[in-house]
All heavy atoms as atom14 arrays in JSON, in Angstrom:
{
  "sequence": "GGRVSPPRVDVLERAWFDKWLKGLDNGVDEYGPVTLQQQGGMWTSGQS",
  "atom14_mask": [
    [1, 1, 1, 1, 0, 0, 0, 0, 0, 0, 0, 0, 0, 0],
    [1, 1, 1, 1, 0, 0, 0, 0, 0, 0, 0, 0, 0, 0],
    [1, 1, 1, 1, 1, 1, 1, 1, 1, 1, 1, 0, 0, 0],
    [1, 1, 1, 1, 1, 1, 1, 0, 0, 0, 0, 0, 0, 0],
    [1, 1, 1, 1, 1, 1, 0, 0, 0, 0, 0, 0, 0, 0],
    [1, 1, 1, 1, 1, 1, 1, 0, 0, 0, 0, 0, 0, 0],
    [1, 1, 1, 1, 1, 1, 1, 0, 0, 0, 0, 0, 0, 0],
    [1, 1, 1, 1, 1, 1, 1, 1, 1, 1, 1, 0, 0, 0],
    [1, 1, 1, 1, 1, 1, 1, 0, 0, 0, 0, 0, 0, 0],
    [1, 1, 1, 1, 1, 1, 1, 1, 0, 0, 0, 0, 0, 0],
    [1, 1, 1, 1, 1, 1, 1, 0, 0, 0, 0, 0, 0, 0],
    [1, 1, 1, 1, 1, 1, 1, 1, 0, 0, 0, 0, 0, 0],
    [1, 1, 1, 1, 1, 1, 1, 1, 1, 0, 0, 0, 0, 0],
    [1, 1, 1, 1, 1, 1, 1, 1, 1, 1, 1, 0, 0, 0],
    [1, 1, 1, 1, 1, 0, 0, 0, 0, 0, 0, 0, 0, 0],
    [1, 1, 1, 1, 1, 1, 1, 1, 1, 1, 1, 1, 1, 1],
    [1, 1, 1, 1, 1, 1, 1, 1, 1, 1, 1, 0, 0, 0],
    [1, 1, 1, 1, 1, 1, 1, 1, 0, 0, 0, 0, 0, 0],
    [1, 1, 1, 1, 1, 1, 1, 1, 1, 0, 0, 0, 0, 0],
    [1, 1, 1, 1, 1, 1, 1, 1, 1, 1, 1, 1, 1, 1],
    [1, 1, 1, 1, 1, 1, 1, 1, 0, 0, 0, 0, 0, 0],
    [1, 1, 1, 1, 1, 1, 1, 1, 1, 0, 0, 0, 0, 0],
    [1, 1, 1, 1, 0, 0, 0, 0, 0, 0, 0, 0, 0, 0],
    [1, 1, 1, 1, 1, 1, 1, 1, 0, 0, 0, 0, 0, 0],
    [1, 1, 1, 1, 1, 1, 1, 1, 0, 0, 0, 0, 0, 0],
    [1, 1, 1, 1, 1, 1, 1, 1, 0, 0, 0, 0, 0, 0],
    [1, 1, 1, 1, 0, 0, 0, 0, 0, 0, 0, 0, 0, 0],
    [1, 1, 1, 1, 1, 1, 1, 0, 0, 0, 0, 0, 0, 0],
    [1, 1, 1, 1, 1, 1, 1, 1, 0, 0, 0, 0, 0, 0],
    [1, 1, 1, 1, 1, 1, 1, 1, 1, 0, 0, 0, 0, 0],
    [1, 1, 1, 1, 1, 1, 1, 1, 1, 1, 1, 1, 0, 0],
    [1, 1, 1, 1, 0, 0, 0, 0, 0, 0, 0, 0, 0, 0],
    [1, 1, 1, 1, 1, 1, 1, 0, 0, 0, 0, 0, 0, 0],
    [1, 1, 1, 1, 1, 1, 1, 0, 0, 0, 0, 0, 0, 0],
    [1, 1, 1, 1, 1, 1, 1, 0, 0, 0, 0, 0, 0, 0],
    [1, 1, 1, 1, 1, 1, 1, 1, 0, 0, 0, 0, 0, 0],
    [1, 1, 1, 1, 1, 1, 1, 1, 1, 0, 0, 0, 0, 0],
    [1, 1, 1, 1, 1, 1, 1, 1, 1, 0, 0, 0, 0, 0],
    [1, 1, 1, 1, 1, 1, 1, 1, 1, 0, 0, 0, 0, 0],
    [1, 1, 1, 1, 0, 0, 0, 0, 0, 0, 0, 0, 0, 0],
    [1, 1, 1, 1, 0, 0, 0, 0, 0, 0, 0, 0, 0, 0],
    [1, 1, 1, 1, 1, 1, 1, 1, 0, 0, 0, 0, 0, 0],
    [1, 1, 1, 1, 1, 1, 1, 1, 1, 1, 1, 1, 1, 1],
    [1, 1, 1, 1, 1, 1, 1, 0, 0, 0, 0, 0, 0, 0],
    [1, 1, 1, 1, 1, 1, 0, 0, 0, 0, 0, 0, 0, 0],
    [1, 1, 1, 1, 0, 0, 0, 0, 0, 0, 0, 0, 0, 0],
    [1, 1, 1, 1, 1, 1, 1, 1, 1, 0, 0, 0, 0, 0],
    [1, 1, 1, 1, 1, 1, 0, 0, 0, 0, 0, 0, 0, 0]
  ],
  "atom14_positions": [
    [[-7.67, 6.2, -0.22], [-8.67, 5.72, 0.75], [-10.01, 5.46, 0.13], [-10.97, 5.12, 0.83], [0.0, 0.0, 0.0], [0.0, 0.0, 0.0], [0.0, 0.0, 0.0], [0.0, 0.0, 0.0], [0.0, 0.0, 0.0], [0.0, 0.0, 0.0], [0.0, 0.0, 0.0], [0.0, 0.0, 0.0], [0.0, 0.0, 0.0], [0.0, 0.0, 0.0]],
    [[-10.12, 5.58, -1.2], [-11.38, 5.35, -1.89], [-11.61, 3.88, -2.19], [-10.8, 3.01, -1.84], [0.0, 0.0, 0.0], [0.0, 0.0, 0.0], [0.0, 0.0, 0.0], [0.0, 0.0, 0.0], [0.0, 0.0, 0.0], [0.0, 0.0, 0.0], [0.0, 0.0, 0.0], [0.0, 0.0, 0.0], [0.0, 0.0, 0.0], [0.0, 0.0, 0.0]],
    [[-12.67, 3.6, -2.91], [-13.09, 2.23, -3.16], [-12.1, 1.46, -4.03], [-11.94, 0.25, -3.89], [-14.48, 2.23, -3.81], [-15.13, 0.86, -3.97], [-16.54, 0.99, -4.48], [-16.62, 1.71, -5.74], [-16.44, 1.13, -6.93], [-16.17, -0.15, -7.01], [-16.54, 1.86, -8.03], [0.0, 0.0, 0.0], [0.0, 0.0, 0.0], [0.0, 0.0, 0.0]],
    [[-11.43, 2.16, -4.97], [-10.51, 1.47, -5.88], [-9.1, 2.04, -5.82], [-8.28, 1.73, -6.67], [-11.03, 1.54, -7.33], [-12.34, 0.8, -7.48], [-11.18, 2.99, -7.79], [0.0, 0.0, 0.0], [0.0, 0.0, 0.0], [0.0, 0.0, 0.0], [0.0, 0.0, 0.0], [0.0, 0.0, 0.0], [0.0, 0.0, 0.0], [0.0, 0.0, 0.0]],
    [[-8.8, 2.86, -4.8], [-7.49, 3.49, -4.69], [-6.72, 2.92, -3.5], [-7.28, 2.18, -2.68], [-7.67, 5.0, -4.53], [-8.4, 5.29, -3.35], [0.0, 0.0, 0.0], [0.0, 0.0, 0.0], [0.0, 0.0, 0.0], [0.0, 0.0, 0.0], [0.0, 0.0, 0.0], [0.0, 0.0, 0.0], [0.0, 0.0, 0.0], [0.0, 0.0, 0.0]],
    [[-5.44, 3.25, -3.37], [-4.68, 2.78, -2.22], [-5.22, 3.33, -0.91], [-5.97, 4.32, -0.89], [-3.27, 3.34, -2.49], [-3.22, 3.58, -3.95], [-4.61, 3.99, -4.33], [0.0, 0.0, 0.0], [0.0, 0.0, 0.0], [0.0, 0.0, 0.0], [0.0, 0.0, 0.0], [0.0, 0.0, 0.0], [0.0, 0.0, 0.0], [0.0, 0.0, 0.0]],
    [[-4.85, 2.72, 0.21], [-5.23, 3.27, 1.52], [-4.68, 4.68, 1.69], [-3.72, 5.08, 1.0], [-4.58, 2.3, 2.51], [-4.34, 1.05, 1.74], [-4.08, 1.48, 0.33], [0.0, 0.0, 0.0], [0.0, 0.0, 0.0], [0.0, 0.0, 0.0], [0.0, 0.0, 0.0], [0.0, 0.0, 0.0], [0.0, 0.0, 0.0], [0.0, 0.0, 0.0]],
    [[-5.27, 5.43, 2.63], [-4.76, 6.76, 2.93], [-3.28, 6.68, 3.3], [-2.78, 5.68, 3.8], [-5.53, 7.4, 4.09], [-6.97, 7.71, 3.8], [-7.54, 8.66, 4.86], [-7.07, 8.42, 6.22], [-7.79, 7.85, 7.18], [-9.03, 7.41, 6.93], [-7.29, 7.7, 8.38], [0.0, 0.0, 0.0], [0.0, 0.0, 0.0], [0.0, 0.0, 0.0]],
    [[-2.58, 7.79, 3.09], [-1.15, 7.83, 3.36], [-0.86, 7.6, 4.84], [0.08, 6.88, 5.2], [-0.55, 9.17, 2.88], [0.94, 9.22, 3.18], [-0.81, 9.37, 1.39], [0.0, 0.0, 0.0], [0.0, 0.0, 0.0], [0.0, 0.0, 0.0], [0.0, 0.0, 0.0], [0.0, 0.0, 0.0], [0.0, 0.0, 0.0], [0.0, 0.0, 0.0]],
    [[-1.66, 8.22, 5.73], [-1.41, 8.03, 7.16], [-1.67, 6.59, 7.58], [-1.02, 6.07, 8.5], [-2.26, 8.99, 7.99], [-3.75, 8.82, 7.77], [-4.16, 8.59, 6.61], [-4.52, 8.92, 8.74], [0.0, 0.0, 0.0], [0.0, 0.0, 0.0], [0.0, 0.0, 0.0], [0.0, 0.0, 0.0], [0.0, 0.0, 0.0], [0.0, 0.0, 0.0]],
    [[-2.59, 5.92, 6.91], [-2.87, 4.51, 7.21], [-1.68, 3.65, 6.79], [-1.24, 2.76, 7.53], [-4.16, 4.06, 6.49], [-4.34, 2.55, 6.59], [-5.37, 4.79, 7.07], [0.0, 0.0, 0.0], [0.0, 0.0, 0.0], [0.0, 0.0, 0.0], [0.0, 0.0, 0.0], [0.0, 0.0, 0.0], [0.0, 0.0, 0.0], [0.0, 0.0, 0.0]],
    [[-1.13, 3.91, 5.62], [0.03, 3.16, 5.17], [1.25, 3.44, 6.04], [2.05, 2.53, 6.32], [0.32, 3.48, 3.71], [-0.64, 2.85, 2.7], [-0.49, 3.5, 1.33], [-0.41, 1.35, 2.59], [0.0, 0.0, 0.0], [0.0, 0.0, 0.0], [0.0, 0.0, 0.0], [0.0, 0.0, 0.0], [0.0, 0.0, 0.0], [0.0, 0.0, 0.0]],
    [[1.41, 4.7, 6.44], [2.55, 5.03, 7.31], [2.47, 4.25, 8.61], [3.45, 3.65, 9.07], [2.58, 6.52, 7.61], [3.75, 6.91, 8.51], [3.62, 8.29, 9.11], [2.48, 8.77, 9.29], [4.66, 8.89, 9.44], [0.0, 0.0, 0.0], [0.0, 0.0, 0.0], [0.0, 0.0, 0.0], [0.0, 0.0, 0.0], [0.0, 0.0, 0.0]],
    [[1.29, 4.23, 9.22], [1.12, 3.49, 10.47], [1.42, 1.99, 10.26], [2.13, 1.36, 11.05], [-0.31, 3.68, 10.98], [-0.79, 2.68, 12.02], [-0.29, 2.96, 13.42], [-0.78, 1.92, 14.33], [-1.98, 1.91, 14.91], [-2.84, 2.91, 14.68], [-2.32, 0.93, 15.73], [0.0, 0.0, 0.0], [0.0, 0.0, 0.0], [0.0, 0.0, 0.0]],
    [[0.87, 1.41, 9.19], [1.08, -0.01, 8.93], [2.57, -0.29, 8.68], [3.1, -1.31, 9.14], [0.25, -0.46, 7.74], [0.0, 0.0, 0.0], [0.0, 0.0, 0.0], [0.0, 0.0, 0.0], [0.0, 0.0, 0.0], [0.0, 0.0, 0.0], [0.0, 0.0, 0.0], [0.0, 0.0, 0.0], [0.0, 0.0, 0.0], [0.0, 0.0, 0.0]],
    [[3.25, 0.61, 7.96], [4.66, 0.42, 7.66], [5.51, 0.42, 8.94], [6.36, -0.46, 9.13], [5.12, 1.53, 6.72], [6.46, 1.31, 6.08], [7.59, 2.04, 6.27], [6.8, 0.32, 5.11], [8.61, 1.57, 5.49], [8.15, 0.5, 4.76], [6.09, -0.72, 4.49], [8.81, -0.31, 3.83], [6.74, -1.53, 3.58], [8.08, -1.32, 3.26]],
    [[5.26, 1.39, 9.81], [6.04, 1.45, 11.04], [5.64, 0.36, 12.03], [6.48, -0.15, 12.77], [5.93, 2.83, 11.66], [6.68, 3.9, 10.91], [6.15, 5.17, 10.74], [7.93, 3.64, 10.35], [6.85, 6.15, 10.04], [8.62, 4.61, 9.64], [8.09, 5.87, 9.49], [0.0, 0.0, 0.0], [0.0, 0.0, 0.0], [0.0, 0.0, 0.0]],
    [[4.36, -0.03, 12.03], [3.95, -1.16, 12.87], [4.72, -2.42, 12.48], [5.12, -3.22, 13.34], [2.45, -1.42, 12.74], [1.61, -0.5, 13.63], [2.2, 0.26, 14.43], [0.38, -0.55, 13.52], [0.0, 0.0, 0.0], [0.0, 0.0, 0.0], [0.0, 0.0, 0.0], [0.0, 0.0, 0.0], [0.0, 0.0, 0.0], [0.0, 0.0, 0.0]],
    [[4.93, -2.6, 11.18], [5.65, -3.79, 10.7], [7.12, -3.73, 11.06], [7.68, -4.68, 11.63], [5.47, -3.92, 9.18], [6.36, -4.94, 8.51], [6.02, -6.35, 8.92], [6.93, -7.36, 8.22], [6.61, -8.75, 8.63], [0.0, 0.0, 0.0], [0.0, 0.0, 0.0], [0.0, 0.0, 0.0], [0.0, 0.0, 0.0], [0.0, 0.0, 0.0]],
    [[7.78, -2.61, 10.74], [9.24, -2.58, 10.8], [9.79, -2.02, 12.1], [10.97, -2.24, 12.41], [9.79, -1.81, 9.61], [9.37, -2.43, 8.31], [8.53, -1.88, 7.39], [9.73, -3.71, 7.79], [8.34, -2.73, 6.32], [9.07, -3.87, 6.55], [10.55, -4.75, 8.25], [9.21, -5.02, 5.77], [10.68, -5.88, 7.47], [10.04, -6.02, 6.25]],
    [[8.99, -1.27, 12.86], [9.46, -0.77, 14.15], [8.9, -1.58, 15.32], [9.53, -1.67, 16.37], [9.08, 0.7, 14.34], [9.62, 1.69, 13.3], [9.32, 3.12, 13.73], [11.12, 1.51, 13.07], [0.0, 0.0, 0.0], [0.0, 0.0, 0.0], [0.0, 0.0, 0.0], [0.0, 0.0, 0.0], [0.0, 0.0, 0.0], [0.0, 0.0, 0.0]],
    [[7.72, -2.17, 15.13], [7.1, -2.96, 16.21], [7.12, -4.46, 15.93], [6.83, -5.26, 16.82], [5.65, -2.51, 16.43], [5.54, -1.11, 17.03], [4.08, -0.8, 17.37], [3.96, 0.54, 18.07], [2.55, 0.85, 18.44], [0.0, 0.0, 0.0], [0.0, 0.0, 0.0], [0.0, 0.0, 0.0], [0.0, 0.0, 0.0], [0.0, 0.0, 0.0]],
    [[7.4, -4.83, 14.69], [7.47, -6.25, 14.36], [6.13, -6.93, 14.23], [6.04, -8.17, 14.34], [0.0, 0.0, 0.0], [0.0, 0.0, 0.0], [0.0, 0.0, 0.0], [0.0, 0.0, 0.0], [0.0, 0.0, 0.0], [0.0, 0.0, 0.0], [0.0, 0.0, 0.0], [0.0, 0.0, 0.0], [0.0, 0.0, 0.0], [0.0, 0.0, 0.0]],
    [[5.04, -6.17, 13.96], [3.72, -6.76, 13.82], [3.56, -7.38, 12.43], [3.9, -6.76, 11.41], [2.63, -5.71, 14.04], [2.58, -5.04, 15.41], [1.42, -4.08, 15.49], [2.49, -6.08, 16.52], [0.0, 0.0, 0.0], [0.0, 0.0, 0.0], [0.0, 0.0, 0.0], [0.0, 0.0, 0.0], [0.0, 0.0, 0.0], [0.0, 0.0, 0.0]],
    [[3.03, -8.57, 12.39], [2.81, -9.26, 11.11], [1.46, -8.83, 10.55], [0.47, -9.54, 10.64], [2.84, -10.78, 11.34], [2.73, -11.55, 10.02], [2.92, -10.92, 8.96], [2.45, -12.76, 10.08], [0.0, 0.0, 0.0], [0.0, 0.0, 0.0], [0.0, 0.0, 0.0], [0.0, 0.0, 0.0], [0.0, 0.0, 0.0], [0.0, 0.0, 0.0]],
    [[1.45, -7.63, 9.95], [0.19, -7.04, 9.5], [-0.02, -7.11, 7.99], [-0.99, -6.58, 7.46], [0.09, -5.57, 9.95], [1.24, -4.72, 9.43], [2.05, -5.17, 8.62], [1.32, -3.49, 9.91], [0.0, 0.0, 0.0], [0.0, 0.0, 0.0], [0.0, 0.0, 0.0], [0.0, 0.0, 0.0], [0.0, 0.0, 0.0], [0.0, 0.0, 0.0]],
    [[0.89, -7.75, 7.26], [0.71, -7.94, 5.83], [1.09, -6.77, 4.95], [0.93, -6.84, 3.74], [0.0, 0.0, 0.0], [0.0, 0.0, 0.0], [0.0, 0.0, 0.0], [0.0, 0.0, 0.0], [0.0, 0.0, 0.0], [0.0, 0.0, 0.0], [0.0, 0.0, 0.0], [0.0, 0.0, 0.0], [0.0, 0.0, 0.0], [0.0, 0.0, 0.0]],
    [[1.63, -5.68, 5.53], [1.96, -4.52, 4.69], [3.1, -4.85, 3.72], [3.2, -4.25, 2.64], [2.3, -3.29, 5.56], [3.65, -3.44, 6.24], [2.25, -2.01, 4.72], [0.0, 0.0, 0.0], [0.0, 0.0, 0.0], [0.0, 0.0, 0.0], [0.0, 0.0, 0.0], [0.0, 0.0, 0.0], [0.0, 0.0, 0.0], [0.0, 0.0, 0.0]],
    [[3.95, -5.81, 4.1], [5.03, -6.2, 3.2], [4.52, -7.0, 2.01], [5.25, -7.23, 1.05], [6.08, -7.0, 3.97], [5.5, -8.17, 4.73], [4.36, -8.05, 5.22], [6.17, -9.21, 4.84], [0.0, 0.0, 0.0], [0.0, 0.0, 0.0], [0.0, 0.0, 0.0], [0.0, 0.0, 0.0], [0.0, 0.0, 0.0], [0.0, 0.0, 0.0]],
    [[3.24, -7.41, 2.05], [2.63, -8.11, 0.93], [1.85, -7.16, 0.01], [1.31, -7.57, -1.0], [1.7, -9.2, 1.45], [2.41, -10.27, 2.27], [1.44, -11.19, 2.98], [0.22, -11.09, 2.71], [1.89, -11.99, 3.8], [0.0, 0.0, 0.0], [0.0, 0.0, 0.0], [0.0, 0.0, 0.0], [0.0, 0.0, 0.0], [0.0, 0.0, 0.0]],
    [[1.77, -5.88, 0.41], [1.08, -4.9, -0.41], [1.94, -4.58, -1.63], [3.16, -4.65, -1.6], [0.83, -3.62, 0.4], [0.09, -2.55, -0.36], [-1.26, -2.71, -0.67], [0.72, -1.39, -0.77], [-1.95, -1.73, -1.37], [0.04, -0.4, -1.47], [-1.29, -0.59, -1.77], [-1.97, 0.38, -2.46], [0.0, 0.0, 0.0], [0.0, 0.0, 0.0]],
    [[1.32, -4.18, -2.74], [2.05, -3.76, -3.94], [2.82, -4.89, -4.59], [2.22, -5.87, -5.01], [0.0, 0.0, 0.0], [0.0, 0.0, 0.0], [0.0, 0.0, 0.0], [0.0, 0.0, 0.0], [0.0, 0.0, 0.0], [0.0, 0.0, 0.0], [0.0, 0.0, 0.0], [0.0, 0.0, 0.0], [0.0, 0.0, 0.0], [0.0, 0.0, 0.0]],
    [[4.14, -4.82, -4.69], [5.01, -3.76, -4.17], [5.06, -2.5, -5.06], [5.55, -1.47, -4.64], [6.38, -4.44, -4.12], [6.33, -5.42, -5.24], [4.92, -5.93, -5.28], [0.0, 0.0, 0.0], [0.0, 0.0, 0.0], [0.0, 0.0, 0.0], [0.0, 0.0, 0.0], [0.0, 0.0, 0.0], [0.0, 0.0, 0.0], [0.0, 0.0, 0.0]],
    [[4.55, -2.61, -6.3], [4.52, -1.46, -7.19], [3.07, -1.14, -7.51], [2.39, -1.92, -8.18], [5.31, -1.74, -8.49], [5.16, -0.58, -9.45], [6.78, -1.99, -8.18], [0.0, 0.0, 0.0], [0.0, 0.0, 0.0], [0.0, 0.0, 0.0], [0.0, 0.0, 0.0], [0.0, 0.0, 0.0], [0.0, 0.0, 0.0], [0.0, 0.0, 0.0]],
    [[2.6, -0.03, -7.0], [1.19, 0.37, -7.16], [1.16, 1.67, -7.97], [1.73, 2.68, -7.56], [0.53, 0.57, -5.79], [0.7, -0.62, -5.01], [-0.95, 0.87, -5.94], [0.0, 0.0, 0.0], [0.0, 0.0, 0.0], [0.0, 0.0, 0.0], [0.0, 0.0, 0.0], [0.0, 0.0, 0.0], [0.0, 0.0, 0.0], [0.0, 0.0, 0.0]],
    [[0.51, 1.62, -9.13], [0.55, 2.72, -10.08], [-0.85, 3.21, -10.43], [-1.73, 2.4, -10.7], [1.24, 2.28, -11.37], [2.6, 1.58, -11.26], [3.03, 1.09, -12.64], [3.65, 2.51, -10.67], [0.0, 0.0, 0.0], [0.0, 0.0, 0.0], [0.0, 0.0, 0.0], [0.0, 0.0, 0.0], [0.0, 0.0, 0.0], [0.0, 0.0, 0.0]],
    [[-1.02, 4.52, -10.45], [-2.23, 5.1, -11.02], [-1.94, 5.37, -12.49], [-1.28, 6.35, -12.84], [-2.63, 6.39, -10.29], [-3.99, 6.91, -10.73], [-4.42, 8.13, -9.95], [-3.61, 8.79, -9.29], [-5.69, 8.46, -10.02], [0.0, 0.0, 0.0], [0.0, 0.0, 0.0], [0.0, 0.0, 0.0], [0.0, 0.0, 0.0], [0.0, 0.0, 0.0]],
    [[-2.42, 4.49, -13.32], [-2.1, 4.57, -14.74], [-2.82, 5.76, -15.38], [-4.04, 5.89, -15.29], [-2.52, 3.27, -15.42], [-1.94, 3.05, -16.77], [-2.23, 1.65, -17.28], [-3.38, 1.19, -17.21], [-1.23, 0.96, -17.77], [0.0, 0.0, 0.0], [0.0, 0.0, 0.0], [0.0, 0.0, 0.0], [0.0, 0.0, 0.0], [0.0, 0.0, 0.0]],
    [[-2.07, 6.65, -16.0], [-2.68, 7.79, -16.66], [-3.61, 7.29, -17.77], [-3.22, 6.47, -18.59], [-1.61, 8.71, -17.23], [-0.71, 9.33, -16.18], [0.16, 10.41, -16.75], [-0.28, 11.54, -17.01], [1.43, 10.09, -16.97], [0.0, 0.0, 0.0], [0.0, 0.0, 0.0], [0.0, 0.0, 0.0], [0.0, 0.0, 0.0], [0.0, 0.0, 0.0]],
    [[-4.85, 7.78, -17.75], [-5.83, 7.32, -18.72], [-6.47, 6.0, -18.34], [-7.35, 5.51, -19.05], [0.0, 0.0, 0.0], [0.0, 0.0, 0.0], [0.0, 0.0, 0.0], [0.0, 0.0, 0.0], [0.0, 0.0, 0.0], [0.0, 0.0, 0.0], [0.0, 0.0, 0.0], [0.0, 0.0, 0.0], [0.0, 0.0, 0.0], [0.0, 0.0, 0.0]],
    [[-6.05, 5.42, -17.22], [-6.58, 4.13, -16.78], [-6.99, 4.18, -15.33], [-7.65, 5.1, -14.88], [0.0, 0.0, 0.0], [0.0, 0.0, 0.0], [0.0, 0.0, 0.0], [0.0, 0.0, 0.0], [0.0, 0.0, 0.0], [0.0, 0.0, 0.0], [0.0, 0.0, 0.0], [0.0, 0.0, 0.0], [0.0, 0.0, 0.0], [0.0, 0.0, 0.0]],
    [[-6.56, 3.18, -14.55], [-6.97, 3.09, -13.15], [-5.77, 2.62, -12.34], [-4.67, 2.44, -12.84], [-8.14, 2.11, -13.03], [-7.84, 0.71, -13.55], [-9.32, -0.34, -13.6], [-9.75, -0.4, -11.87], [0.0, 0.0, 0.0], [0.0, 0.0, 0.0], [0.0, 0.0, 0.0], [0.0, 0.0, 0.0], [0.0, 0.0, 0.0], [0.0, 0.0, 0.0]],
    [[-6.0, 2.45, -11.04], [-4.96, 1.94, -10.16], [-4.68, 0.48, -10.46], [-5.61, -0.32, -10.63], [-5.39, 2.1, -8.7], [-5.27, 3.49, -8.17], [-6.29, 4.4, -8.02], [-4.08, 4.13, -7.73], [-5.79, 5.58, -7.5], [-4.44, 5.44, -7.31], [-2.74, 3.74, -7.64], [-3.51, 6.35, -6.81], [-1.82, 4.64, -7.13], [-2.2, 5.93, -6.74]],
    [[-3.39, 0.14, -10.52], [-3.0, -1.25, -10.73], [-1.84, -1.58, -9.79], [-1.15, -0.69, -9.29], [-2.53, -1.51, -12.18], [-1.33, -0.76, -12.41], [-3.59, -1.09, -13.18], [0.0, 0.0, 0.0], [0.0, 0.0, 0.0], [0.0, 0.0, 0.0], [0.0, 0.0, 0.0], [0.0, 0.0, 0.0], [0.0, 0.0, 0.0], [0.0, 0.0, 0.0]],
    [[-1.64, -2.87, -9.55], [-0.5, -3.32, -8.75], [0.27, -4.36, -9.53], [-0.29, -5.12, -10.32], [-0.96, -3.92, -7.42], [-1.37, -2.9, -6.52], [0.0, 0.0, 0.0], [0.0, 0.0, 0.0], [0.0, 0.0, 0.0], [0.0, 0.0, 0.0], [0.0, 0.0, 0.0], [0.0, 0.0, 0.0], [0.0, 0.0, 0.0], [0.0, 0.0, 0.0]],
    [[1.58, -4.41, -9.31], [2.42, -5.38, -9.97], [3.71, -5.58, -9.23], [3.92, -5.04, -8.13], [0.0, 0.0, 0.0], [0.0, 0.0, 0.0], [0.0, 0.0, 0.0], [0.0, 0.0, 0.0], [0.0, 0.0, 0.0], [0.0, 0.0, 0.0], [0.0, 0.0, 0.0], [0.0, 0.0, 0.0], [0.0, 0.0, 0.0], [0.0, 0.0, 0.0]],
    [[4.61, -6.33, -9.83], [5.86, -6.68, -9.18], [7.02, -5.77, -9.55], [8.04, -5.78, -8.86], [6.23, -8.13, -9.53], [5.34, -9.16, -8.87], [5.52, -9.18, -7.36], [6.63, -9.23, -6.86], [4.41, -9.13, -6.64], [0.0, 0.0, 0.0], [0.0, 0.0, 0.0], [0.0, 0.0, 0.0], [0.0, 0.0, 0.0], [0.0, 0.0, 0.0]],
    [[6.88, -4.98, -10.62], [8.03, -4.18, -11.04], [7.58, -3.02, -11.91], [6.45, -2.96, -12.38], [9.03, -5.05, -11.81], [8.44, -5.56, -13.0], [0.0, 0.0, 0.0], [0.0, 0.0, 0.0], [0.0, 0.0, 0.0], [0.0, 0.0, 0.0], [0.0, 0.0, 0.0], [0.0, 0.0, 0.0], [0.0, 0.0, 0.0], [0.0, 0.0, 0.0]]
  ]
}
């Protein structure tokens, strides 16, 4: 939930269930899909 980190876990949980249980087009399926906190580095996102 910080400036350069992923959203809070409860925020992601809500967005995930809103998408797949309610069918809301909220863009959570466009997040990541692989989000890594690189040891010695910072948060990054990629495809695999």
